[in-house]
Amino acid sequence: MTAAQSSRLWRHFFVGSLFLLSLYYLYRAINYRFGVPGRLGPPNPIATGWYYVHLIFALPVLLGAPLQFTSELRQRTPFIHRLVGRAYVAGATVAAATAIYMGAAGPYEGSRLSIAITGTLWLFFTLAAWRHAVTRNFAAHRAFMIRSYAMALVLVWLRLMFDFQDYLFFYVKNEELRDATREWASWVVPLLATEAYVSWIPQFRRRNPSEY
C-alpha cells in the first residue's frame, strides 16, 4: 500500500467514524429528549418550536458534512459536492443562529455563555467557508469548513464526554462544576485540536522562509 493510499484509508476511517458518532449522538439525544418522561419540562410551545427548528436544520449538517471531506466526491461529482455544501451552509446557518438564541435564553445560567459562544463561532466559520468558496479561495474554504464542522459536532463531543466523564473529569467532584467544565471543554478542546491541525502544525512544517 502506497503512502497516498494509506492516507486516504485513514481519512475515510476518520470521516466514517465521525458519521457513526453523529448517528450515535442523534439516537441518544432524541431518546433522552423525547423518551424520558417529563424531560421537556412544563409545556412551552415557543421553546419547543425553537428546538425543533434547530434539530431539523442540524440534520443535513451532521449527516451530509462527512461527504464533503471525500476527495473522490469533489473530483468525480463536483456538482454533488456543491449541492451538499449549500445544504450544509443553509442548515448550519439556521442551526447556529437558533443555538445562539436558545443558549442566551436558556434556563441554565451556567450554560448560556458557553452555548452562545459556540453558536457564534459556528456561524462565523460557516459563513467564512461559504465566502471563500464563492471567491474560489479553496485553501481558506477548506480550513474554515473544518473549523465549522468541529463546531457542528460540539454536542457529539459533549455526549461522549458525558458518557466518559468519570474518567475525563474524575478530579471534579462537584456535579454542577463538572457540568460546566464538560460544556466548556466540549468546544474549547475540539477547537484547539482543529487549530493545531489547520494552522499550527503546518506552520512548524514549513521550511521555506518565503512561505511566511
N, C-alpha and C. Protein backbone atom coordinates (compact mmCIF):
# COMPACT_ATOMS: atom_id res chain seq x y z
N MET A 1 0.85 -1.20 0.00
CA MET A 1 0.00 0.00 0.00
C MET A 1 0.88 1.25 0.00
N THR A 2 0.60 2.16 -0.93
CA THR A 2 1.37 3.38 -1.02
C THR A 2 1.00 4.34 0.10
N ALA A 3 1.85 5.37 0.28
CA ALA A 3 1.57 6.37 1.31
C ALA A 3 0.27 7.11 1.03
N ALA A 4 0.00 7.38 -0.25
CA ALA A 4 -1.24 8.08 -0.62
C ALA A 4 -2.46 7.22 -0.31
N GLN A 5 -2.36 5.92 -0.62
CA GLN A 5 -3.48 5.03 -0.33
C GLN A 5 -3.71 4.88 1.17
N SER A 6 -2.62 4.80 1.92
CA SER A 6 -2.73 4.71 3.38
C SER A 6 -3.36 5.96 3.96
N SER A 7 -2.94 7.12 3.46
CA SER A 7 -3.52 8.38 3.93
C SER A 7 -5.00 8.46 3.61
N ARG A 8 -5.39 8.02 2.40
CA ARG A 8 -6.79 8.04 2.00
C ARG A 8 -7.62 7.08 2.87
N LEU A 9 -7.05 5.92 3.18
CA LEU A 9 -7.75 4.95 4.01
C LEU A 9 -8.00 5.50 5.41
N TRP A 10 -6.98 6.11 6.00
CA TRP A 10 -7.15 6.67 7.34
C TRP A 10 -8.15 7.82 7.33
N ARG A 11 -8.13 8.63 6.26
CA ARG A 11 -9.08 9.73 6.16
C ARG A 11 -10.51 9.21 6.07
N HIS A 12 -10.72 8.17 5.29
CA HIS A 12 -12.05 7.58 5.19
C HIS A 12 -12.49 6.97 6.52
N PHE A 13 -11.56 6.33 7.20
CA PHE A 13 -11.88 5.75 8.50
C PHE A 13 -12.27 6.83 9.49
N PHE A 14 -11.53 7.95 9.48
CA PHE A 14 -11.81 9.05 10.40
C PHE A 14 -13.17 9.68 10.12
N VAL A 15 -13.43 9.95 8.84
CA VAL A 15 -14.70 10.57 8.47
C VAL A 15 -15.86 9.62 8.74
N GLY A 16 -15.68 8.33 8.45
CA GLY A 16 -16.71 7.35 8.75
C GLY A 16 -17.00 7.24 10.23
N SER A 17 -15.95 7.35 11.03
CA SER A 17 -16.13 7.32 12.49
C SER A 17 -16.94 8.52 12.96
N LEU A 18 -16.66 9.69 12.39
CA LEU A 18 -17.44 10.88 12.76
C LEU A 18 -18.90 10.73 12.37
N PHE A 19 -19.15 10.11 11.22
CA PHE A 19 -20.53 9.89 10.79
C PHE A 19 -21.25 8.96 11.75
N LEU A 20 -20.59 7.88 12.16
CA LEU A 20 -21.20 6.94 13.11
C LEU A 20 -21.41 7.60 14.47
N LEU A 21 -20.47 8.43 14.89
CA LEU A 21 -20.64 9.14 16.15
C LEU A 21 -21.82 10.10 16.08
N SER A 22 -22.03 10.72 14.92
CA SER A 22 -23.17 11.61 14.74
C SER A 22 -24.48 10.84 14.87
N LEU A 23 -24.54 9.66 14.26
CA LEU A 23 -25.74 8.82 14.40
C LEU A 23 -25.95 8.41 15.85
N TYR A 24 -24.87 8.09 16.52
CA TYR A 24 -24.95 7.72 17.94
C TYR A 24 -25.50 8.88 18.76
N TYR A 25 -24.99 10.08 18.48
CA TYR A 25 -25.48 11.25 19.22
C TYR A 25 -26.96 11.48 18.95
N LEU A 26 -27.37 11.40 17.69
CA LEU A 26 -28.77 11.64 17.36
C LEU A 26 -29.68 10.65 18.08
N TYR A 27 -29.27 9.40 18.11
CA TYR A 27 -30.07 8.40 18.82
C TYR A 27 -30.18 8.73 20.30
N ARG A 28 -29.03 9.02 20.94
CA ARG A 28 -29.04 9.29 22.37
C ARG A 28 -29.80 10.58 22.68
N ALA A 29 -29.58 11.62 21.85
CA ALA A 29 -30.21 12.91 22.11
C ALA A 29 -31.73 12.84 21.96
N ILE A 30 -32.18 12.22 20.86
CA ILE A 30 -33.62 12.13 20.62
C ILE A 30 -34.29 11.25 21.67
N ASN A 31 -33.64 10.14 22.02
CA ASN A 31 -34.19 9.26 23.03
C ASN A 31 -34.25 9.96 24.39
N TYR A 32 -33.19 10.71 24.71
CA TYR A 32 -33.15 11.40 26.00
C TYR A 32 -34.17 12.53 26.05
N ARG A 33 -34.29 13.22 24.92
CA ARG A 33 -35.17 14.39 24.88
C ARG A 33 -36.64 13.99 24.89
N PHE A 34 -36.98 12.95 24.13
CA PHE A 34 -38.39 12.59 23.96
C PHE A 34 -38.75 11.26 24.62
N GLY A 35 -37.77 10.45 24.96
CA GLY A 35 -38.06 9.15 25.54
C GLY A 35 -38.12 9.14 27.06
N VAL A 36 -37.53 10.16 27.67
CA VAL A 36 -37.54 10.24 29.13
C VAL A 36 -38.75 11.06 29.57
N PRO A 37 -39.68 10.48 30.32
CA PRO A 37 -40.88 11.21 30.73
C PRO A 37 -40.55 12.49 31.50
N GLY A 38 -41.19 13.58 31.08
CA GLY A 38 -41.01 14.85 31.78
C GLY A 38 -39.73 15.58 31.44
N ARG A 39 -38.95 15.05 30.48
CA ARG A 39 -37.67 15.69 30.16
C ARG A 39 -37.88 17.07 29.56
N LEU A 40 -38.94 17.25 28.81
CA LEU A 40 -39.18 18.55 28.19
C LEU A 40 -39.69 19.57 29.19
N GLY A 41 -40.00 19.13 30.39
CA GLY A 41 -40.45 20.07 31.41
C GLY A 41 -41.86 20.57 31.13
N PRO A 42 -42.25 21.68 31.78
CA PRO A 42 -43.58 22.25 31.56
C PRO A 42 -43.78 22.62 30.09
N PRO A 43 -44.99 22.50 29.57
CA PRO A 43 -45.25 22.84 28.17
C PRO A 43 -44.81 24.27 27.85
N ASN A 44 -44.01 24.40 26.83
CA ASN A 44 -43.52 25.70 26.37
C ASN A 44 -43.42 25.65 24.86
N PRO A 45 -44.51 26.00 24.16
CA PRO A 45 -44.53 25.88 22.70
C PRO A 45 -43.41 26.64 22.00
N ILE A 46 -43.05 27.81 22.52
CA ILE A 46 -42.01 28.61 21.87
C ILE A 46 -40.66 27.92 21.97
N ALA A 47 -40.29 27.49 23.18
CA ALA A 47 -39.00 26.82 23.37
C ALA A 47 -38.95 25.51 22.59
N THR A 48 -40.05 24.76 22.60
CA THR A 48 -40.11 23.50 21.86
C THR A 48 -39.99 23.75 20.36
N GLY A 49 -40.62 24.82 19.88
CA GLY A 49 -40.54 25.16 18.46
C GLY A 49 -39.13 25.49 18.03
N TRP A 50 -38.42 26.27 18.85
CA TRP A 50 -37.03 26.60 18.54
C TRP A 50 -36.18 25.33 18.50
N TYR A 51 -36.45 24.42 19.44
CA TYR A 51 -35.68 23.18 19.47
C TYR A 51 -35.90 22.36 18.19
N TYR A 52 -37.16 22.27 17.73
CA TYR A 52 -37.45 21.52 16.52
C TYR A 52 -36.77 22.15 15.30
N VAL A 53 -36.81 23.47 15.22
CA VAL A 53 -36.14 24.16 14.10
C VAL A 53 -34.65 23.86 14.11
N HIS A 54 -34.05 23.95 15.29
CA HIS A 54 -32.62 23.67 15.41
C HIS A 54 -32.31 22.23 14.99
N LEU A 55 -33.10 21.28 15.44
CA LEU A 55 -32.86 19.88 15.13
C LEU A 55 -33.02 19.59 13.64
N ILE A 56 -34.08 20.12 13.03
CA ILE A 56 -34.34 19.86 11.61
C ILE A 56 -33.21 20.38 10.74
N PHE A 57 -32.75 21.60 11.03
CA PHE A 57 -31.69 22.19 10.19
C PHE A 57 -30.32 21.62 10.52
N ALA A 58 -30.16 21.01 11.69
CA ALA A 58 -28.88 20.39 12.04
C ALA A 58 -28.71 19.03 11.39
N LEU A 59 -29.81 18.38 11.02
CA LEU A 59 -29.73 17.05 10.43
C LEU A 59 -28.88 16.99 9.16
N PRO A 60 -29.11 17.87 8.16
CA PRO A 60 -28.26 17.81 6.96
C PRO A 60 -26.80 18.13 7.26
N VAL A 61 -26.55 18.88 8.33
CA VAL A 61 -25.18 19.20 8.71
C VAL A 61 -24.48 17.94 9.23
N LEU A 62 -25.11 17.26 10.17
CA LEU A 62 -24.49 16.08 10.76
C LEU A 62 -24.36 14.93 9.77
N LEU A 63 -25.37 14.76 8.92
CA LEU A 63 -25.39 13.61 8.02
C LEU A 63 -24.71 13.88 6.68
N GLY A 64 -24.68 15.14 6.25
CA GLY A 64 -24.11 15.44 4.95
C GLY A 64 -22.67 15.91 4.97
N ALA A 65 -22.23 16.48 6.08
CA ALA A 65 -20.89 17.05 6.15
C ALA A 65 -19.77 16.04 5.88
N PRO A 66 -19.86 14.79 6.39
CA PRO A 66 -18.77 13.85 6.11
C PRO A 66 -18.50 13.65 4.62
N LEU A 67 -19.53 13.77 3.79
CA LEU A 67 -19.33 13.61 2.35
C LEU A 67 -18.41 14.69 1.79
N GLN A 68 -18.40 15.87 2.40
CA GLN A 68 -17.63 16.99 1.89
C GLN A 68 -16.13 16.79 2.05
N PHE A 69 -15.75 15.86 2.90
CA PHE A 69 -14.33 15.61 3.11
C PHE A 69 -13.83 14.42 2.30
N THR A 70 -14.66 13.95 1.37
CA THR A 70 -14.28 12.84 0.50
C THR A 70 -13.74 13.41 -0.81
N SER A 71 -12.44 13.24 -1.04
CA SER A 71 -11.82 13.84 -2.23
C SER A 71 -12.40 13.27 -3.51
N GLU A 72 -12.77 11.97 -3.49
CA GLU A 72 -13.34 11.36 -4.70
C GLU A 72 -14.64 12.06 -5.11
N LEU A 73 -15.45 12.44 -4.14
CA LEU A 73 -16.71 13.12 -4.45
C LEU A 73 -16.43 14.48 -5.08
N ARG A 74 -15.48 15.21 -4.53
CA ARG A 74 -15.16 16.53 -5.08
C ARG A 74 -14.61 16.44 -6.50
N GLN A 75 -13.84 15.40 -6.79
CA GLN A 75 -13.20 15.29 -8.09
C GLN A 75 -14.12 14.70 -9.16
N ARG A 76 -14.91 13.69 -8.78
CA ARG A 76 -15.72 12.99 -9.77
C ARG A 76 -17.10 13.62 -9.97
N THR A 77 -17.69 14.10 -8.90
CA THR A 77 -19.02 14.71 -8.99
C THR A 77 -19.03 16.04 -8.23
N PRO A 78 -18.37 17.04 -8.78
CA PRO A 78 -18.28 18.33 -8.06
C PRO A 78 -19.64 18.99 -7.84
N PHE A 79 -20.61 18.71 -8.72
CA PHE A 79 -21.93 19.33 -8.54
C PHE A 79 -22.61 18.80 -7.27
N ILE A 80 -22.39 17.51 -6.93
CA ILE A 80 -22.93 16.97 -5.68
C ILE A 80 -22.23 17.61 -4.48
N HIS A 81 -20.93 17.82 -4.61
CA HIS A 81 -20.19 18.49 -3.55
C HIS A 81 -20.75 19.89 -3.31
N ARG A 82 -21.02 20.61 -4.39
CA ARG A 82 -21.58 21.96 -4.24
C ARG A 82 -22.99 21.91 -3.67
N LEU A 83 -23.79 20.94 -4.12
CA LEU A 83 -25.17 20.84 -3.63
C LEU A 83 -25.20 20.53 -2.14
N VAL A 84 -24.40 19.55 -1.71
CA VAL A 84 -24.33 19.22 -0.29
C VAL A 84 -23.75 20.40 0.50
N GLY A 85 -22.80 21.09 -0.10
CA GLY A 85 -22.21 22.26 0.57
C GLY A 85 -23.23 23.35 0.80
N ARG A 86 -24.08 23.61 -0.18
CA ARG A 86 -25.12 24.63 0.01
C ARG A 86 -26.11 24.21 1.10
N ALA A 87 -26.46 22.92 1.10
CA ALA A 87 -27.36 22.42 2.16
C ALA A 87 -26.70 22.56 3.53
N TYR A 88 -25.41 22.31 3.58
CA TYR A 88 -24.68 22.45 4.85
C TYR A 88 -24.70 23.89 5.32
N VAL A 89 -24.38 24.82 4.42
CA VAL A 89 -24.33 26.24 4.81
C VAL A 89 -25.70 26.70 5.28
N ALA A 90 -26.76 26.34 4.55
CA ALA A 90 -28.11 26.75 4.95
C ALA A 90 -28.48 26.15 6.30
N GLY A 91 -28.24 24.85 6.44
CA GLY A 91 -28.58 24.19 7.70
C GLY A 91 -27.77 24.70 8.86
N ALA A 92 -26.47 24.85 8.67
CA ALA A 92 -25.60 25.31 9.76
C ALA A 92 -25.90 26.74 10.15
N THR A 93 -26.24 27.58 9.18
CA THR A 93 -26.55 28.98 9.49
C THR A 93 -27.77 29.08 10.40
N VAL A 94 -28.83 28.37 10.04
CA VAL A 94 -30.05 28.40 10.87
C VAL A 94 -29.81 27.71 12.20
N ALA A 95 -29.15 26.55 12.19
CA ALA A 95 -28.91 25.81 13.43
C ALA A 95 -28.03 26.62 14.38
N ALA A 96 -27.02 27.29 13.85
CA ALA A 96 -26.15 28.10 14.70
C ALA A 96 -26.89 29.30 15.28
N ALA A 97 -27.72 29.95 14.44
CA ALA A 97 -28.48 31.11 14.92
C ALA A 97 -29.46 30.70 16.01
N THR A 98 -30.12 29.56 15.84
CA THR A 98 -31.06 29.11 16.87
C THR A 98 -30.31 28.66 18.13
N ALA A 99 -29.10 28.12 17.96
CA ALA A 99 -28.29 27.73 19.12
C ALA A 99 -27.91 28.96 19.94
N ILE A 100 -27.58 30.05 19.25
CA ILE A 100 -27.23 31.29 19.95
C ILE A 100 -28.42 31.78 20.77
N TYR A 101 -29.59 31.76 20.14
CA TYR A 101 -30.79 32.23 20.84
C TYR A 101 -31.13 31.32 22.02
N MET A 102 -31.14 30.00 21.77
CA MET A 102 -31.51 29.07 22.84
C MET A 102 -30.49 29.10 23.97
N GLY A 103 -29.22 29.32 23.62
CA GLY A 103 -28.21 29.41 24.65
C GLY A 103 -28.37 30.66 25.50
N ALA A 104 -28.61 31.79 24.84
CA ALA A 104 -28.74 33.05 25.58
C ALA A 104 -30.01 33.10 26.41
N ALA A 105 -31.06 32.42 25.94
CA ALA A 105 -32.35 32.45 26.65
C ALA A 105 -32.62 31.17 27.43
N GLY A 106 -31.64 30.30 27.51
CA GLY A 106 -31.84 29.02 28.17
C GLY A 106 -32.01 29.13 29.67
N PRO A 107 -32.59 28.10 30.28
CA PRO A 107 -32.87 28.14 31.72
C PRO A 107 -31.64 27.90 32.58
N TYR A 108 -30.57 27.35 31.99
CA TYR A 108 -29.38 27.01 32.78
C TYR A 108 -28.34 28.13 32.65
N GLU A 109 -28.18 28.90 33.71
CA GLU A 109 -27.32 30.08 33.66
C GLU A 109 -25.87 29.72 33.35
N GLY A 110 -25.41 28.59 33.86
CA GLY A 110 -24.02 28.21 33.62
C GLY A 110 -23.73 27.79 32.19
N SER A 111 -24.78 27.56 31.40
CA SER A 111 -24.60 27.12 30.02
C SER A 111 -24.75 28.24 29.00
N ARG A 112 -25.30 29.36 29.41
CA ARG A 112 -25.66 30.39 28.44
C ARG A 112 -24.46 30.91 27.64
N LEU A 113 -23.41 31.32 28.34
CA LEU A 113 -22.27 31.91 27.64
C LEU A 113 -21.58 30.88 26.77
N SER A 114 -21.40 29.67 27.27
CA SER A 114 -20.73 28.63 26.51
C SER A 114 -21.47 28.32 25.21
N ILE A 115 -22.79 28.14 25.29
CA ILE A 115 -23.57 27.82 24.10
C ILE A 115 -23.60 29.00 23.13
N ALA A 116 -23.71 30.21 23.65
CA ALA A 116 -23.74 31.39 22.79
C ALA A 116 -22.43 31.55 22.03
N ILE A 117 -21.30 31.34 22.70
CA ILE A 117 -20.00 31.44 22.03
C ILE A 117 -19.86 30.36 20.98
N THR A 118 -20.28 29.13 21.33
CA THR A 118 -20.21 28.03 20.37
C THR A 118 -21.02 28.35 19.11
N GLY A 119 -22.26 28.80 19.29
CA GLY A 119 -23.09 29.14 18.14
C GLY A 119 -22.51 30.26 17.30
N THR A 120 -21.92 31.26 17.96
CA THR A 120 -21.33 32.39 17.24
C THR A 120 -20.14 31.95 16.41
N LEU A 121 -19.27 31.13 16.99
CA LEU A 121 -18.12 30.62 16.25
C LEU A 121 -18.57 29.75 15.08
N TRP A 122 -19.55 28.89 15.33
CA TRP A 122 -20.07 28.02 14.27
C TRP A 122 -20.62 28.85 13.12
N LEU A 123 -21.38 29.88 13.44
CA LEU A 123 -21.96 30.74 12.40
C LEU A 123 -20.86 31.46 11.63
N PHE A 124 -19.88 32.01 12.33
CA PHE A 124 -18.79 32.74 11.66
C PHE A 124 -17.98 31.82 10.76
N PHE A 125 -17.59 30.65 11.26
CA PHE A 125 -16.79 29.73 10.46
C PHE A 125 -17.55 29.27 9.22
N THR A 126 -18.85 29.04 9.36
CA THR A 126 -19.66 28.60 8.22
C THR A 126 -19.75 29.66 7.15
N LEU A 127 -20.05 30.89 7.55
CA LEU A 127 -20.15 31.98 6.58
C LEU A 127 -18.80 32.30 5.95
N ALA A 128 -17.72 32.18 6.74
CA ALA A 128 -16.39 32.41 6.19
C ALA A 128 -16.05 31.34 5.16
N ALA A 129 -16.41 30.08 5.44
CA ALA A 129 -16.17 29.00 4.47
C ALA A 129 -16.95 29.24 3.19
N TRP A 130 -18.21 29.66 3.32
CA TRP A 130 -19.02 29.97 2.14
C TRP A 130 -18.42 31.12 1.34
N ARG A 131 -17.99 32.16 2.02
CA ARG A 131 -17.42 33.33 1.34
C ARG A 131 -16.17 32.96 0.56
N HIS A 132 -15.31 32.14 1.14
CA HIS A 132 -14.07 31.76 0.45
C HIS A 132 -14.36 30.80 -0.69
N ALA A 133 -15.43 30.01 -0.60
CA ALA A 133 -15.80 29.16 -1.72
C ALA A 133 -16.27 30.01 -2.90
N VAL A 134 -17.05 31.05 -2.60
CA VAL A 134 -17.54 31.95 -3.65
C VAL A 134 -16.38 32.65 -4.36
N THR A 135 -15.38 33.07 -3.59
CA THR A 135 -14.22 33.76 -4.17
C THR A 135 -13.16 32.80 -4.66
N ARG A 136 -13.44 31.48 -4.57
CA ARG A 136 -12.57 30.42 -5.07
C ARG A 136 -11.22 30.38 -4.36
N ASN A 137 -11.21 30.79 -3.12
CA ASN A 137 -10.03 30.61 -2.27
C ASN A 137 -10.22 29.29 -1.53
N PHE A 138 -9.92 28.19 -2.22
CA PHE A 138 -10.30 26.88 -1.72
C PHE A 138 -9.47 26.43 -0.52
N ALA A 139 -8.24 26.93 -0.39
CA ALA A 139 -7.44 26.57 0.78
C ALA A 139 -8.09 27.13 2.05
N ALA A 140 -8.48 28.41 1.99
CA ALA A 140 -9.15 29.02 3.14
C ALA A 140 -10.53 28.41 3.35
N HIS A 141 -11.21 28.09 2.24
CA HIS A 141 -12.53 27.45 2.34
C HIS A 141 -12.44 26.13 3.09
N ARG A 142 -11.45 25.32 2.76
CA ARG A 142 -11.29 24.03 3.42
C ARG A 142 -11.00 24.22 4.91
N ALA A 143 -10.13 25.17 5.24
CA ALA A 143 -9.76 25.40 6.64
C ALA A 143 -10.97 25.83 7.46
N PHE A 144 -11.78 26.73 6.91
CA PHE A 144 -12.95 27.20 7.66
C PHE A 144 -14.05 26.14 7.72
N MET A 145 -14.13 25.28 6.70
CA MET A 145 -15.11 24.20 6.75
C MET A 145 -14.75 23.20 7.84
N ILE A 146 -13.47 22.92 8.00
CA ILE A 146 -13.04 22.02 9.07
C ILE A 146 -13.38 22.63 10.42
N ARG A 147 -13.12 23.93 10.57
CA ARG A 147 -13.47 24.61 11.83
C ARG A 147 -14.98 24.57 12.07
N SER A 148 -15.75 24.82 11.01
CA SER A 148 -17.21 24.82 11.14
C SER A 148 -17.71 23.44 11.54
N TYR A 149 -17.17 22.40 10.92
CA TYR A 149 -17.62 21.05 11.22
C TYR A 149 -17.26 20.66 12.65
N ALA A 150 -16.09 21.12 13.12
CA ALA A 150 -15.71 20.85 14.51
C ALA A 150 -16.72 21.45 15.48
N MET A 151 -17.21 22.66 15.15
CA MET A 151 -18.22 23.28 16.00
C MET A 151 -19.58 22.60 15.84
N ALA A 152 -19.85 22.10 14.64
CA ALA A 152 -21.13 21.40 14.42
C ALA A 152 -21.21 20.13 15.26
N LEU A 153 -20.06 19.56 15.58
CA LEU A 153 -20.03 18.31 16.34
C LEU A 153 -19.90 18.53 17.84
N VAL A 154 -20.06 19.77 18.29
CA VAL A 154 -19.87 20.05 19.71
C VAL A 154 -20.77 19.18 20.58
N LEU A 155 -22.03 19.02 20.20
CA LEU A 155 -22.93 18.21 21.01
C LEU A 155 -22.55 16.73 20.98
N VAL A 156 -21.90 16.31 19.89
CA VAL A 156 -21.39 14.94 19.84
C VAL A 156 -20.26 14.78 20.85
N TRP A 157 -19.32 15.77 20.85
CA TRP A 157 -18.23 15.74 21.83
C TRP A 157 -18.80 15.79 23.25
N LEU A 158 -19.81 16.63 23.44
CA LEU A 158 -20.41 16.76 24.77
C LEU A 158 -21.01 15.44 25.23
N ARG A 159 -21.69 14.74 24.33
CA ARG A 159 -22.28 13.46 24.67
C ARG A 159 -21.20 12.44 25.03
N LEU A 160 -20.11 12.41 24.26
CA LEU A 160 -19.03 11.48 24.56
C LEU A 160 -18.38 11.81 25.90
N MET A 161 -18.19 13.10 26.15
CA MET A 161 -17.60 13.49 27.43
C MET A 161 -18.51 13.14 28.59
N PHE A 162 -19.81 13.23 28.35
CA PHE A 162 -20.76 12.83 29.39
C PHE A 162 -20.66 11.33 29.67
N ASP A 163 -20.57 10.53 28.60
CA ASP A 163 -20.51 9.08 28.77
C ASP A 163 -19.23 8.64 29.48
N PHE A 164 -18.15 9.42 29.30
CA PHE A 164 -16.86 9.05 29.90
C PHE A 164 -16.41 10.05 30.95
N GLN A 165 -17.37 10.77 31.54
CA GLN A 165 -16.99 11.83 32.47
C GLN A 165 -16.29 11.30 33.72
N ASP A 166 -16.59 10.09 34.13
CA ASP A 166 -15.94 9.55 35.33
C ASP A 166 -14.45 9.34 35.11
N TYR A 167 -14.04 9.23 33.85
CA TYR A 167 -12.63 9.07 33.53
C TYR A 167 -11.98 10.41 33.14
N LEU A 168 -12.74 11.24 32.44
CA LEU A 168 -12.18 12.51 31.96
C LEU A 168 -12.17 13.59 33.03
N PHE A 169 -13.21 13.61 33.87
CA PHE A 169 -13.35 14.69 34.86
C PHE A 169 -13.45 14.12 36.28
N PHE A 170 -12.68 13.08 36.53
CA PHE A 170 -12.71 12.45 37.85
C PHE A 170 -12.27 13.39 38.96
N TYR A 171 -11.49 14.41 38.59
CA TYR A 171 -10.93 15.34 39.58
C TYR A 171 -11.94 16.41 39.99
N VAL A 172 -13.09 16.49 39.29
CA VAL A 172 -14.13 17.46 39.63
C VAL A 172 -15.24 16.72 40.37
N LYS A 173 -15.32 16.94 41.66
CA LYS A 173 -16.29 16.20 42.47
C LYS A 173 -17.66 16.86 42.49
N ASN A 174 -17.71 18.18 42.43
CA ASN A 174 -18.98 18.89 42.46
C ASN A 174 -19.71 18.69 41.14
N GLU A 175 -20.97 18.24 41.19
CA GLU A 175 -21.71 17.92 39.98
C GLU A 175 -21.94 19.13 39.08
N GLU A 176 -22.26 20.28 39.66
CA GLU A 176 -22.51 21.48 38.86
C GLU A 176 -21.22 21.96 38.19
N LEU A 177 -20.11 21.92 38.93
CA LEU A 177 -18.83 22.31 38.33
C LEU A 177 -18.42 21.34 37.23
N ARG A 178 -18.74 20.07 37.42
CA ARG A 178 -18.42 19.09 36.38
C ARG A 178 -19.23 19.35 35.12
N ASP A 179 -20.50 19.68 35.27
CA ASP A 179 -21.33 20.02 34.11
C ASP A 179 -20.76 21.21 33.36
N ALA A 180 -20.39 22.25 34.10
CA ALA A 180 -19.85 23.46 33.47
C ALA A 180 -18.51 23.16 32.79
N THR A 181 -17.66 22.40 33.45
CA THR A 181 -16.37 22.03 32.85
C THR A 181 -16.57 21.25 31.56
N ARG A 182 -17.51 20.32 31.59
CA ARG A 182 -17.78 19.50 30.41
C ARG A 182 -18.30 20.34 29.26
N GLU A 183 -19.15 21.29 29.53
CA GLU A 183 -19.71 22.11 28.46
C GLU A 183 -18.66 23.00 27.82
N TRP A 184 -17.78 23.59 28.63
CA TRP A 184 -16.72 24.42 28.05
C TRP A 184 -15.71 23.56 27.29
N ALA A 185 -15.35 22.40 27.87
CA ALA A 185 -14.37 21.54 27.22
C ALA A 185 -14.89 20.98 25.91
N SER A 186 -16.21 20.83 25.77
CA SER A 186 -16.79 20.21 24.57
C SER A 186 -16.54 21.03 23.32
N TRP A 187 -16.27 22.34 23.46
CA TRP A 187 -15.95 23.12 22.25
C TRP A 187 -14.54 23.69 22.29
N VAL A 188 -13.99 23.95 23.46
CA VAL A 188 -12.64 24.50 23.53
C VAL A 188 -11.61 23.47 23.07
N VAL A 189 -11.71 22.23 23.57
CA VAL A 189 -10.74 21.19 23.21
C VAL A 189 -10.80 20.87 21.71
N PRO A 190 -11.99 20.63 21.10
CA PRO A 190 -12.02 20.39 19.65
C PRO A 190 -11.51 21.58 18.84
N LEU A 191 -11.80 22.80 19.30
CA LEU A 191 -11.32 23.97 18.56
C LEU A 191 -9.80 24.06 18.60
N LEU A 192 -9.19 23.80 19.75
CA LEU A 192 -7.74 23.81 19.85
C LEU A 192 -7.13 22.71 18.98
N ALA A 193 -7.72 21.52 18.99
CA ALA A 193 -7.23 20.43 18.16
C ALA A 193 -7.35 20.78 16.67
N THR A 194 -8.45 21.42 16.30
CA THR A 194 -8.65 21.83 14.91
C THR A 194 -7.62 22.87 14.49
N GLU A 195 -7.38 23.85 15.34
CA GLU A 195 -6.39 24.88 15.02
C GLU A 195 -5.00 24.28 14.90
N ALA A 196 -4.69 23.28 15.74
CA ALA A 196 -3.39 22.62 15.64
C ALA A 196 -3.25 21.94 14.28
N TYR A 197 -4.33 21.30 13.82
CA TYR A 197 -4.29 20.60 12.53
C TYR A 197 -4.27 21.56 11.36
N VAL A 198 -5.10 22.59 11.43
CA VAL A 198 -5.26 23.51 10.29
C VAL A 198 -4.13 24.51 10.20
N SER A 199 -3.66 25.02 11.33
CA SER A 199 -2.75 26.15 11.32
C SER A 199 -1.40 25.88 11.98
N TRP A 200 -1.40 25.39 13.20
CA TRP A 200 -0.14 25.34 13.95
C TRP A 200 0.84 24.32 13.39
N ILE A 201 0.40 23.08 13.17
CA ILE A 201 1.31 22.05 12.65
C ILE A 201 1.85 22.42 11.26
N PRO A 202 1.00 22.90 10.32
CA PRO A 202 1.56 23.33 9.03
C PRO A 202 2.61 24.43 9.16
N GLN A 203 2.46 25.33 10.13
CA GLN A 203 3.45 26.37 10.34
C GLN A 203 4.80 25.77 10.74
N PHE A 204 4.78 24.76 11.58
CA PHE A 204 6.02 24.13 12.01
C PHE A 204 6.68 23.35 10.87
N ARG A 205 5.87 22.84 9.95
CA ARG A 205 6.40 22.02 8.87
C ARG A 205 7.02 22.83 7.75
N ARG A 206 6.73 24.09 7.70
CA ARG A 206 7.24 24.93 6.61
C ARG A 206 8.76 25.10 6.74
N ARG A 207 9.43 25.00 5.62
CA ARG A 207 10.88 25.12 5.61
C ARG A 207 11.38 26.35 4.86
N ASN A 208 10.59 26.78 3.88
CA ASN A 208 11.00 27.90 3.03
C ASN A 208 10.58 29.20 3.70
N PRO A 209 11.53 30.09 4.04
CA PRO A 209 11.15 31.36 4.68
C PRO A 209 10.19 32.20 3.86
N SER A 210 10.21 32.02 2.52
CA SER A 210 9.32 32.81 1.68
C SER A 210 7.87 32.43 1.86
N GLU A 211 7.60 31.27 2.51
CA GLU A 211 6.23 30.84 2.72
C GLU A 211 5.56 31.60 3.85
N TYR A 212 6.34 32.30 4.67
CA TYR A 212 5.75 33.02 5.80
C TYR A 212 5.26 34.39 5.37
